[in-house]
Amino acid sequence: MQPQQSNAPIRFSQNKPLVLKLALPFEFVIDGPPVSQQVRRREKIRRWRDEVRKAAAQHWPAGELPVVGAVMLTITFFYSSALIDVDNIPKPISDALKGLVYEDDKQVTDVLCRKRNRNVFRIKNISTVLAEGLNRSNEFLYIVVNEAPDQEAI
């Protein structure tokens, strides 16, 4: 029996190109509200992608290359008044992370996107990054890129 190969995303450090490191999970927050993929003014969506990329770049370790392999994108929009459809949130964010966090958005095999009223929710095991977002007085998005679940299991 051959050992099972892992599809775990890996990144290579530019400082040590032969050392493999698990890159994930990677998380950050950005002020909202998000811009819908369905927006008519394409300039507005371009600016939103740029804002997301800038926020992610502030948290991505300097000198680190994008991960390779399958990833899962989890987005939680903490809103005060949600006027956006949840299914229109992920695409601009996924596009913004391409080339920084992962090589190509084709690596995103799983997406979990949700809206939560910022005044009514419970959180178990809060991360420091999510706590940073909750300390803001406005709407925000909490974005996590993680290793994709087993691709052979549903």
C-alpha atoms as a PDB file:
ATOM      1  CA  MET A   1       0.000   0.000   0.000  1.00  0.00           C
ATOM      2  CA  GLN A   2       1.374   3.389  -0.968  1.00  0.00           C
ATOM      3  CA  PRO A   3       1.249   6.306   1.468  1.00  0.00           C
ATOM      4  CA  GLN A   4      -1.549   8.725   0.736  1.00  0.00           C
ATOM      5  CA  GLN A   5      -0.307  11.995  -0.700  1.00  0.00           C
ATOM      6  CA  SER A   6      -1.488  15.199   0.882  1.00  0.00           C
ATOM      7  CA  ASN A   7      -3.073  17.943  -1.178  1.00  0.00           C
ATOM      8  CA  ALA A   8      -2.193  20.424   1.552  1.00  0.00           C
ATOM      9  CA  PRO A   9      -1.377  23.869   0.210  1.00  0.00           C
ATOM     10  CA  ILE A  10       2.294  24.640   0.547  1.00  0.00           C
ATOM     11  CA  ARG A  11       4.253  27.808   0.111  1.00  0.00           C
ATOM     12  CA  PHE A  12       7.937  28.280  -0.422  1.00  0.00           C
ATOM     13  CA  SER A  13       9.791  31.019   1.391  1.00  0.00           C
ATOM     14  CA  GLN A  14      11.841  33.215  -0.922  1.00  0.00           C
ATOM     15  CA  ASN A  15      14.511  33.240   1.789  1.00  0.00           C
ATOM     16  CA  LYS A  16      14.632  29.425   1.967  1.00  0.00           C
ATOM     17  CA  PRO A  17      13.303  28.042  -1.327  1.00  0.00           C
ATOM     18  CA  LEU A  18      13.821  24.398  -0.388  1.00  0.00           C
ATOM     19  CA  VAL A  19      11.891  24.530   2.880  1.00  0.00           C
ATOM     20  CA  LEU A  20       8.209  23.617   2.678  1.00  0.00           C
ATOM     21  CA  LYS A  21       5.873  25.351   5.106  1.00  0.00           C
ATOM     22  CA  LEU A  22       2.169  25.088   5.680  1.00  0.00           C
ATOM     23  CA  ALA A  23       0.868  28.514   4.808  1.00  0.00           C
ATOM     24  CA  LEU A  24      -2.585  28.330   6.128  1.00  0.00           C
ATOM     25  CA  PRO A  25      -4.853  29.358   7.732  1.00  0.00           C
ATOM     26  CA  PHE A  26      -4.559  32.970   6.652  1.00  0.00           C
ATOM     27  CA  GLU A  27      -7.089  35.488   7.964  1.00  0.00           C
ATOM     28  CA  PHE A  28      -7.736  39.210   7.787  1.00  0.00           C
ATOM     29  CA  VAL A  29     -10.543  41.743   8.150  1.00  0.00           C
ATOM     30  CA  ILE A  30     -11.616  44.566   5.897  1.00  0.00           C
ATOM     31  CA  ASP A  31     -14.202  47.292   6.398  1.00  0.00           C
ATOM     32  CA  GLY A  32     -17.476  46.740   4.574  1.00  0.00           C
ATOM     33  CA  PRO A  33     -19.868  46.712   3.042  1.00  0.00           C
ATOM     34  CA  PRO A  34     -18.591  44.523   0.205  1.00  0.00           C
ATOM     35  CA  VAL A  35     -19.233  45.369  -3.427  1.00  0.00           C
ATOM     36  CA  SER A  36     -21.485  42.956  -5.290  1.00  0.00           C
ATOM     37  CA  GLN A  37     -20.207  41.015  -8.288  1.00  0.00           C
ATOM     38  CA  GLN A  38     -23.416  42.230  -9.977  1.00  0.00           C
ATOM     39  CA  VAL A  39     -22.622  45.949  -9.675  1.00  0.00           C
ATOM     40  CA  ARG A  40     -23.129  47.834 -12.938  1.00  0.00           C
ATOM     41  CA  ARG A  41     -20.194  50.186 -12.548  1.00  0.00           C
ATOM     42  CA  ARG A  42     -17.139  47.993 -13.140  1.00  0.00           C
ATOM     43  CA  GLU A  43     -14.844  50.689 -11.727  1.00  0.00           C
ATOM     44  CA  LYS A  44     -16.511  50.230  -8.344  1.00  0.00           C
ATOM     45  CA  ILE A  45     -15.746  46.506  -8.336  1.00  0.00           C
ATOM     46  CA  ARG A  46     -12.143  47.150  -9.415  1.00  0.00           C
ATOM     47  CA  ARG A  47     -11.660  49.548  -6.492  1.00  0.00           C
ATOM     48  CA  TRP A  48     -13.159  46.972  -4.110  1.00  0.00           C
ATOM     49  CA  ARG A  49     -10.772  44.255  -5.360  1.00  0.00           C
ATOM     50  CA  ASP A  50      -7.861  46.674  -4.857  1.00  0.00           C
ATOM     51  CA  GLU A  51      -8.993  47.424  -1.276  1.00  0.00           C
ATOM     52  CA  VAL A  52      -9.303  43.709  -0.471  1.00  0.00           C
ATOM     53  CA  ARG A  53      -5.863  42.973  -1.909  1.00  0.00           C
ATOM     54  CA  LYS A  54      -4.309  45.862   0.047  1.00  0.00           C
ATOM     55  CA  ALA A  55      -5.866  44.629   3.320  1.00  0.00           C
ATOM     56  CA  ALA A  56      -4.699  41.066   2.650  1.00  0.00           C
ATOM     57  CA  ALA A  57      -1.180  42.225   1.727  1.00  0.00           C
ATOM     58  CA  GLN A  58      -0.880  44.008   5.074  1.00  0.00           C
ATOM     59  CA  HIS A  59      -1.264  40.633   6.824  1.00  0.00           C
ATOM     60  CA  TRP A  60       0.478  38.326   4.347  1.00  0.00           C
ATOM     61  CA  PRO A  61       4.037  37.560   5.534  1.00  0.00           C
ATOM     62  CA  ALA A  62       6.593  39.653   3.632  1.00  0.00           C
ATOM     63  CA  GLY A  63       8.537  37.680   1.064  1.00  0.00           C
ATOM     64  CA  GLU A  64       6.181  34.711   1.080  1.00  0.00           C
ATOM     65  CA  LEU A  65       4.990  33.242  -2.184  1.00  0.00           C
ATOM     66  CA  PRO A  66       1.374  32.210  -2.800  1.00  0.00           C
ATOM     67  CA  VAL A  67       0.271  28.754  -1.689  1.00  0.00           C
ATOM     68  CA  VAL A  68      -0.180  25.963  -4.183  1.00  0.00           C
ATOM     69  CA  GLY A  69      -2.875  23.324  -3.922  1.00  0.00           C
ATOM     70  CA  ALA A  70      -6.562  23.383  -3.153  1.00  0.00           C
ATOM     71  CA  VAL A  71      -7.875  26.010  -0.737  1.00  0.00           C
ATOM     72  CA  MET A  72     -11.139  26.905   0.985  1.00  0.00           C
ATOM     73  CA  LEU A  73     -12.318  30.510   1.200  1.00  0.00           C
ATOM     74  CA  THR A  74     -14.525  31.478   4.137  1.00  0.00           C
ATOM     75  CA  ILE A  75     -16.089  34.940   4.191  1.00  0.00           C
ATOM     76  CA  THR A  76     -18.277  36.320   6.963  1.00  0.00           C
ATOM     77  CA  PHE A  77     -19.885  39.729   6.442  1.00  0.00           C
ATOM     78  CA  PHE A  78     -20.794  41.327   9.784  1.00  0.00           C
ATOM     79  CA  TYR A  79     -23.464  43.836   8.770  1.00  0.00           C
ATOM     80  CA  SER A  80     -25.676  46.511  10.265  1.00  0.00           C
ATOM     81  CA  SER A  81     -28.054  46.561   7.311  1.00  0.00           C
ATOM     82  CA  ALA A  82     -27.497  43.829   4.722  1.00  0.00           C
ATOM     83  CA  LEU A  83     -28.571  44.941   1.272  1.00  0.00           C
ATOM     84  CA  ILE A  84     -26.296  42.589  -0.660  1.00  0.00           C
ATOM     85  CA  ASP A  85     -27.064  39.019  -1.698  1.00  0.00           C
ATOM     86  CA  VAL A  86     -24.602  36.646  -0.061  1.00  0.00           C
ATOM     87  CA  ASP A  87     -23.895  34.833  -3.341  1.00  0.00           C
ATOM     88  CA  ASN A  88     -22.528  38.037  -4.913  1.00  0.00           C
ATOM     89  CA  ILE A  89     -19.834  38.576  -2.269  1.00  0.00           C
ATOM     90  CA  PRO A  90     -17.126  35.926  -2.930  1.00  0.00           C
ATOM     91  CA  LYS A  91     -15.984  36.429  -6.557  1.00  0.00           C
ATOM     92  CA  PRO A  92     -14.358  39.882  -6.208  1.00  0.00           C
ATOM     93  CA  ILE A  93     -12.636  38.747  -3.006  1.00  0.00           C
ATOM     94  CA  SER A  94     -11.399  35.531  -4.591  1.00  0.00           C
ATOM     95  CA  ASP A  95     -10.044  37.492  -7.562  1.00  0.00           C
ATOM     96  CA  ALA A  96      -8.287  39.971  -5.251  1.00  0.00           C
ATOM     97  CA  LEU A  97      -6.358  37.225  -3.450  1.00  0.00           C
ATOM     98  CA  LYS A  98      -5.111  35.647  -6.679  1.00  0.00           C
ATOM     99  CA  GLY A  99      -1.348  35.956  -7.021  1.00  0.00           C
ATOM    100  CA  LEU A 100      -0.904  36.993  -3.381  1.00  0.00           C
ATOM    101  CA  VAL A 101      -2.387  34.277  -1.154  1.00  0.00           C
ATOM    102  CA  TYR A 102      -2.826  31.588  -3.827  1.00  0.00           C
ATOM    103  CA  GLU A 103      -1.511  31.392  -7.364  1.00  0.00           C
ATOM    104  CA  ASP A 104      -4.872  31.249  -9.136  1.00  0.00           C
ATOM    105  CA  ASP A 105      -8.490  31.376  -8.040  1.00  0.00           C
ATOM    106  CA  LYS A 106      -8.946  27.988  -9.735  1.00  0.00           C
ATOM    107  CA  GLN A 107      -7.348  26.600  -6.558  1.00  0.00           C
ATOM    108  CA  VAL A 108     -10.441  27.633  -4.580  1.00  0.00           C
ATOM    109  CA  THR A 109     -12.446  24.418  -4.396  1.00  0.00           C
ATOM    110  CA  ASP A 110     -14.721  25.347  -1.502  1.00  0.00           C
ATOM    111  CA  VAL A 111     -16.413  28.613  -0.541  1.00  0.00           C
ATOM    112  CA  LEU A 112     -18.404  29.365   2.595  1.00  0.00           C
ATOM    113  CA  CYS A 113     -19.960  32.816   2.553  1.00  0.00           C
ATOM    114  CA  ARG A 114     -22.314  34.095   5.206  1.00  0.00           C
ATOM    115  CA  LYS A 115     -23.883  37.270   6.555  1.00  0.00           C
ATOM    116  CA  ARG A 116     -24.261  37.872  10.266  1.00  0.00           C
ATOM    117  CA  ASN A 117     -25.917  40.789  12.011  1.00  0.00           C
ATOM    118  CA  ARG A 118     -23.070  42.397  13.921  1.00  0.00           C
ATOM    119  CA  ASN A 119     -25.369  43.004  16.883  1.00  0.00           C
ATOM    120  CA  VAL A 120     -26.736  39.457  17.257  1.00  0.00           C
ATOM    121  CA  PHE A 121     -24.340  36.477  17.199  1.00  0.00           C
ATOM    122  CA  ARG A 122     -22.290  34.067  19.306  1.00  0.00           C
ATOM    123  CA  ILE A 123     -18.646  33.214  18.680  1.00  0.00           C
ATOM    124  CA  LYS A 124     -16.719  30.197  19.901  1.00  0.00           C
ATOM    125  CA  ASN A 125     -12.910  30.297  19.946  1.00  0.00           C
ATOM    126  CA  ILE A 126     -12.440  33.826  18.653  1.00  0.00           C
ATOM    127  CA  SER A 127      -9.176  34.611  16.875  1.00  0.00           C
ATOM    128  CA  THR A 128      -7.282  37.829  17.495  1.00  0.00           C
ATOM    129  CA  VAL A 129      -7.962  38.901  13.906  1.00  0.00           C
ATOM    130  CA  LEU A 130     -11.721  38.446  14.276  1.00  0.00           C
ATOM    131  CA  ALA A 131     -11.572  40.264  17.626  1.00  0.00           C
ATOM    132  CA  GLU A 132      -9.915  43.170  15.800  1.00  0.00           C
ATOM    133  CA  GLY A 133     -12.877  43.332  13.431  1.00  0.00           C
ATOM    134  CA  LEU A 134     -15.432  43.130  16.217  1.00  0.00           C
ATOM    135  CA  ASN A 135     -13.756  46.048  17.978  1.00  0.00           C
ATOM    136  CA  ARG A 136     -14.529  48.230  14.962  1.00  0.00           C
ATOM    137  CA  SER A 137     -17.694  50.273  15.086  1.00  0.00           C
ATOM    138  CA  ASN A 138     -18.706  49.550  11.507  1.00  0.00           C
ATOM    139  CA  GLU A 139     -19.571  46.716   9.143  1.00  0.00           C
ATOM    140  CA  PHE A 140     -16.665  44.480   8.176  1.00  0.00           C
ATOM    141  CA  LEU A 141     -15.739  41.221   6.502  1.00  0.00           C
ATOM    142  CA  TYR A 142     -13.729  38.472   8.137  1.00  0.00           C
ATOM    143  CA  ILE A 143     -11.903  36.456   5.483  1.00  0.00           C
ATOM    144  CA  VAL A 144     -10.112  33.156   6.028  1.00  0.00           C
ATOM    145  CA  VAL A 145      -8.187  31.082   3.499  1.00  0.00           C
ATOM    146  CA  ASN A 146      -7.552  27.560   4.683  1.00  0.00           C
ATOM    147  CA  GLU A 147      -6.531  24.175   3.384  1.00  0.00           C
ATOM    148  CA  ALA A 148      -9.395  22.703   1.386  1.00  0.00           C
ATOM    149  CA  PRO A 149     -11.213  19.740   2.889  1.00  0.00           C
ATOM    150  CA  ASP A 150     -10.612  16.250   1.558  1.00  0.00           C
ATOM    151  CA  GLN A 151     -11.440  16.451  -2.145  1.00  0.00           C
ATOM    152  CA  GLU A 152     -12.580  12.824  -2.259  1.00  0.00           C
ATOM    153  CA  ALA A 153     -15.205  13.242   0.451  1.00  0.00           C
ATOM    154  CA  ILE A 154     -18.528  15.018   0.191  1.00  0.00           C
END
